[in-house]
């Protein structure tokens, strides 16, 4: 899901369950509801894939090198109560 984006850390390996990724938290049903990508070293455009995380309530992308517009898929995050894109 972030394969087209570079990151300074190795927290997201394909063999790792998404609830074990360092920046995520899952609910009781193993659905990602929290993702803190602050200072993750991400470079590129804002990933559209986040639009499928419909149980996400918290999403932070602070202090990364993302460019371009926030994709419309973010509008699919109906449970989202916190979004931070600050540099």
N, C-alpha and C. Protein backbone atom coordinates (compact mmCIF):
# COMPACT_ATOMS: atom_id res chain seq x y z
N UNK A 1 0.77 -1.20 0.00
CA UNK A 1 0.00 0.00 0.00
C UNK A 1 0.81 1.27 0.00
N UNK A 2 1.98 1.30 0.52
CA UNK A 2 2.84 2.46 0.34
C UNK A 2 4.05 2.10 -0.49
N UNK A 3 3.93 1.10 -1.33
CA UNK A 3 5.08 0.61 -2.07
C UNK A 3 5.68 1.62 -3.03
N UNK A 4 4.94 2.63 -3.45
CA UNK A 4 5.47 3.65 -4.33
C UNK A 4 6.00 4.85 -3.56
N UNK A 5 6.08 4.72 -2.27
CA UNK A 5 6.55 5.80 -1.41
C UNK A 5 7.75 5.29 -0.61
N UNK A 6 8.78 6.10 -0.51
CA UNK A 6 9.95 5.67 0.24
C UNK A 6 9.76 6.04 1.71
N UNK A 7 10.33 5.26 2.58
CA UNK A 7 10.25 5.52 4.00
C UNK A 7 11.59 5.23 4.65
N UNK A 8 11.90 5.95 5.70
CA UNK A 8 13.19 5.81 6.37
C UNK A 8 13.22 4.59 7.29
N UNK A 9 12.08 4.03 7.60
CA UNK A 9 12.05 2.89 8.52
C UNK A 9 11.54 1.64 7.83
N UNK A 10 11.68 0.51 8.48
CA UNK A 10 11.29 -0.77 7.88
C UNK A 10 10.04 -1.35 8.52
N UNK A 11 9.17 -0.50 9.03
CA UNK A 11 8.01 -0.96 9.79
C UNK A 11 6.98 -1.68 8.95
N UNK A 12 6.98 -1.48 7.67
CA UNK A 12 5.91 -2.06 6.86
C UNK A 12 6.45 -3.07 5.87
N UNK A 13 6.58 -4.29 6.32
CA UNK A 13 7.03 -5.36 5.45
C UNK A 13 5.82 -6.20 5.06
N UNK A 14 5.83 -6.74 3.85
CA UNK A 14 4.67 -7.46 3.35
C UNK A 14 4.30 -8.67 4.20
N UNK A 15 5.26 -9.24 4.93
CA UNK A 15 4.98 -10.42 5.74
C UNK A 15 4.43 -10.06 7.12
N UNK A 16 4.33 -8.79 7.43
CA UNK A 16 3.87 -8.34 8.74
C UNK A 16 2.38 -8.04 8.70
N UNK A 17 1.62 -8.52 9.69
CA UNK A 17 0.19 -8.24 9.77
C UNK A 17 -0.01 -6.75 10.01
N UNK A 18 -1.00 -6.17 9.35
CA UNK A 18 -1.20 -4.72 9.42
C UNK A 18 -1.42 -4.20 10.84
N UNK A 19 -1.94 -5.01 11.74
CA UNK A 19 -2.14 -4.57 13.12
C UNK A 19 -0.81 -4.53 13.89
N UNK A 20 0.23 -5.12 13.33
CA UNK A 20 1.55 -5.09 13.95
C UNK A 20 2.45 -4.00 13.40
N UNK A 21 1.98 -3.26 12.37
CA UNK A 21 2.77 -2.16 11.85
C UNK A 21 2.90 -1.10 12.93
N UNK A 22 4.07 -0.59 13.10
CA UNK A 22 4.35 0.37 14.16
C UNK A 22 3.39 1.56 14.19
N UNK A 23 3.05 2.18 13.07
CA UNK A 23 2.21 3.38 13.16
C UNK A 23 0.70 3.13 13.23
N UNK A 24 0.28 1.87 13.33
CA UNK A 24 -1.16 1.60 13.30
C UNK A 24 -1.68 1.07 14.62
N UNK A 25 -2.97 1.19 14.78
CA UNK A 25 -3.70 0.55 15.87
C UNK A 25 -4.95 -0.03 15.25
N UNK A 26 -5.36 -1.18 15.72
CA UNK A 26 -6.56 -1.83 15.18
C UNK A 26 -7.62 -1.94 16.25
N UNK A 27 -8.86 -2.03 15.80
CA UNK A 27 -9.97 -2.25 16.72
C UNK A 27 -10.08 -3.74 17.03
N UNK A 28 -11.09 -4.13 17.79
CA UNK A 28 -11.26 -5.53 18.20
C UNK A 28 -11.48 -6.48 17.03
N UNK A 29 -11.91 -5.94 15.90
CA UNK A 29 -12.14 -6.76 14.70
C UNK A 29 -10.96 -6.73 13.73
N UNK A 30 -9.80 -6.28 14.20
CA UNK A 30 -8.57 -6.19 13.39
C UNK A 30 -8.69 -5.24 12.22
N UNK A 31 -9.50 -4.21 12.37
CA UNK A 31 -9.61 -3.17 11.35
C UNK A 31 -8.79 -1.97 11.80
N UNK A 32 -7.99 -1.42 10.90
CA UNK A 32 -7.15 -0.28 11.24
C UNK A 32 -8.05 0.91 11.56
N UNK A 33 -7.90 1.47 12.78
CA UNK A 33 -8.69 2.65 13.14
C UNK A 33 -7.80 3.85 13.50
N UNK A 34 -6.49 3.65 13.54
CA UNK A 34 -5.57 4.71 13.92
C UNK A 34 -4.28 4.53 13.12
N UNK A 35 -3.81 5.61 12.50
CA UNK A 35 -2.55 5.53 11.78
C UNK A 35 -1.80 6.85 11.97
N UNK A 36 -0.62 6.75 12.55
CA UNK A 36 0.21 7.92 12.80
C UNK A 36 1.48 7.80 11.96
N UNK A 37 1.49 8.50 10.83
CA UNK A 37 2.61 8.47 9.90
C UNK A 37 3.54 9.67 10.10
N UNK A 38 3.48 10.30 11.27
CA UNK A 38 4.32 11.45 11.57
C UNK A 38 5.79 11.07 11.50
N UNK A 39 6.57 11.89 10.81
CA UNK A 39 8.02 11.69 10.69
C UNK A 39 8.39 10.33 10.11
N UNK A 40 7.58 9.80 9.21
CA UNK A 40 7.82 8.46 8.64
C UNK A 40 8.78 8.49 7.46
N UNK A 41 9.19 9.67 7.02
CA UNK A 41 10.11 9.76 5.90
C UNK A 41 9.45 9.47 4.56
N UNK A 42 8.14 9.69 4.46
CA UNK A 42 7.42 9.42 3.22
C UNK A 42 7.71 10.50 2.18
N UNK A 43 7.90 10.09 0.95
CA UNK A 43 8.17 10.99 -0.17
C UNK A 43 7.26 10.61 -1.32
N UNK A 44 6.65 11.61 -1.95
CA UNK A 44 5.80 11.35 -3.11
C UNK A 44 4.45 12.01 -2.95
N UNK A 45 3.46 11.46 -3.60
CA UNK A 45 2.11 12.00 -3.51
C UNK A 45 1.33 11.29 -2.41
N UNK A 46 0.28 11.93 -1.97
CA UNK A 46 -0.58 11.36 -0.93
C UNK A 46 -1.21 10.08 -1.47
N UNK A 47 -1.03 8.95 -0.78
CA UNK A 47 -1.55 7.68 -1.30
C UNK A 47 -3.08 7.61 -1.31
N UNK A 48 -3.64 7.24 -2.44
CA UNK A 48 -5.09 7.12 -2.55
C UNK A 48 -5.63 5.91 -1.80
N UNK A 49 -4.78 4.94 -1.55
CA UNK A 49 -5.20 3.69 -0.89
C UNK A 49 -5.78 3.91 0.51
N UNK A 50 -5.48 5.02 1.13
CA UNK A 50 -6.04 5.27 2.46
C UNK A 50 -7.56 5.39 2.43
N UNK A 51 -8.12 5.65 1.28
CA UNK A 51 -9.56 5.75 1.14
C UNK A 51 -10.32 4.46 1.41
N UNK A 52 -9.63 3.32 1.42
CA UNK A 52 -10.31 2.05 1.70
C UNK A 52 -10.35 1.72 3.20
N UNK A 53 -9.68 2.51 4.01
CA UNK A 53 -9.65 2.26 5.46
C UNK A 53 -10.86 2.93 6.11
N UNK A 54 -12.04 2.40 5.85
CA UNK A 54 -13.27 3.06 6.25
C UNK A 54 -13.56 3.04 7.75
N UNK A 55 -12.70 2.41 8.55
CA UNK A 55 -12.86 2.45 10.01
C UNK A 55 -11.85 3.37 10.66
N UNK A 56 -11.06 4.04 9.85
CA UNK A 56 -10.02 4.93 10.34
C UNK A 56 -10.64 6.15 11.00
N UNK A 57 -10.22 6.42 12.25
CA UNK A 57 -10.71 7.60 12.95
C UNK A 57 -9.61 8.65 13.14
N UNK A 58 -8.34 8.24 13.04
CA UNK A 58 -7.21 9.15 13.26
C UNK A 58 -6.17 8.89 12.19
N UNK A 59 -5.76 9.95 11.48
CA UNK A 59 -4.75 9.83 10.44
C UNK A 59 -3.83 11.04 10.49
N UNK A 60 -2.54 10.79 10.67
CA UNK A 60 -1.55 11.86 10.76
C UNK A 60 -0.46 11.61 9.73
N UNK A 61 -0.14 12.64 8.96
CA UNK A 61 0.96 12.60 7.98
C UNK A 61 1.94 13.75 8.21
N UNK A 62 2.05 14.23 9.42
CA UNK A 62 2.91 15.38 9.72
C UNK A 62 4.38 15.09 9.41
N UNK A 63 5.07 16.15 8.98
CA UNK A 63 6.52 16.13 8.80
C UNK A 63 7.02 15.06 7.84
N UNK A 64 6.37 14.95 6.70
CA UNK A 64 6.82 14.09 5.61
C UNK A 64 7.02 14.97 4.38
N UNK A 65 7.42 14.39 3.30
CA UNK A 65 7.65 15.14 2.08
C UNK A 65 6.64 14.71 1.01
N UNK A 66 5.35 14.86 1.33
CA UNK A 66 4.29 14.51 0.40
C UNK A 66 3.91 15.75 -0.40
N UNK A 67 3.58 15.56 -1.67
CA UNK A 67 3.25 16.69 -2.52
C UNK A 67 1.94 16.42 -3.25
N UNK A 68 1.41 17.45 -3.87
CA UNK A 68 0.17 17.31 -4.61
C UNK A 68 -1.05 17.52 -3.74
N UNK A 69 -2.19 17.24 -4.30
CA UNK A 69 -3.46 17.43 -3.61
C UNK A 69 -3.82 16.21 -2.76
N UNK A 70 -4.64 16.46 -1.76
CA UNK A 70 -5.21 15.35 -0.99
C UNK A 70 -6.25 14.70 -1.90
N UNK A 71 -6.13 13.39 -2.14
CA UNK A 71 -7.04 12.74 -3.08
C UNK A 71 -8.48 12.68 -2.56
N UNK A 72 -9.41 12.65 -3.49
CA UNK A 72 -10.83 12.62 -3.13
C UNK A 72 -11.20 11.38 -2.33
N UNK A 73 -10.41 10.32 -2.42
CA UNK A 73 -10.68 9.08 -1.67
C UNK A 73 -10.72 9.31 -0.17
N UNK A 74 -10.07 10.35 0.31
CA UNK A 74 -10.13 10.67 1.73
C UNK A 74 -11.57 10.96 2.15
N UNK A 75 -12.39 11.42 1.22
CA UNK A 75 -13.80 11.64 1.50
C UNK A 75 -14.56 10.37 1.84
N UNK A 76 -13.99 9.21 1.53
CA UNK A 76 -14.61 7.92 1.87
C UNK A 76 -14.43 7.56 3.34
N UNK A 77 -13.59 8.29 4.04
CA UNK A 77 -13.29 7.96 5.44
C UNK A 77 -14.35 8.56 6.36
N UNK A 78 -15.52 7.98 6.35
CA UNK A 78 -16.66 8.53 7.08
C UNK A 78 -16.49 8.51 8.59
N UNK A 79 -15.63 7.65 9.12
CA UNK A 79 -15.40 7.59 10.56
C UNK A 79 -14.29 8.54 11.02
N UNK A 80 -13.58 9.13 10.08
CA UNK A 80 -12.42 9.97 10.41
C UNK A 80 -12.83 11.19 11.22
N UNK A 81 -12.20 11.36 12.39
CA UNK A 81 -12.45 12.52 13.24
C UNK A 81 -11.22 13.40 13.38
N UNK A 82 -10.03 12.89 13.00
CA UNK A 82 -8.81 13.67 13.10
C UNK A 82 -7.93 13.41 11.88
N UNK A 83 -7.52 14.49 11.22
CA UNK A 83 -6.63 14.42 10.09
C UNK A 83 -5.61 15.54 10.21
N UNK A 84 -4.32 15.22 10.17
CA UNK A 84 -3.28 16.23 10.24
C UNK A 84 -2.30 16.02 9.10
N UNK A 85 -2.08 17.10 8.32
CA UNK A 85 -1.19 17.05 7.18
C UNK A 85 -0.08 18.10 7.32
N UNK A 86 0.13 18.62 8.49
CA UNK A 86 1.10 19.71 8.71
C UNK A 86 2.52 19.26 8.37
N UNK A 87 3.30 20.24 7.97
CA UNK A 87 4.72 19.98 7.72
C UNK A 87 5.52 20.36 8.93
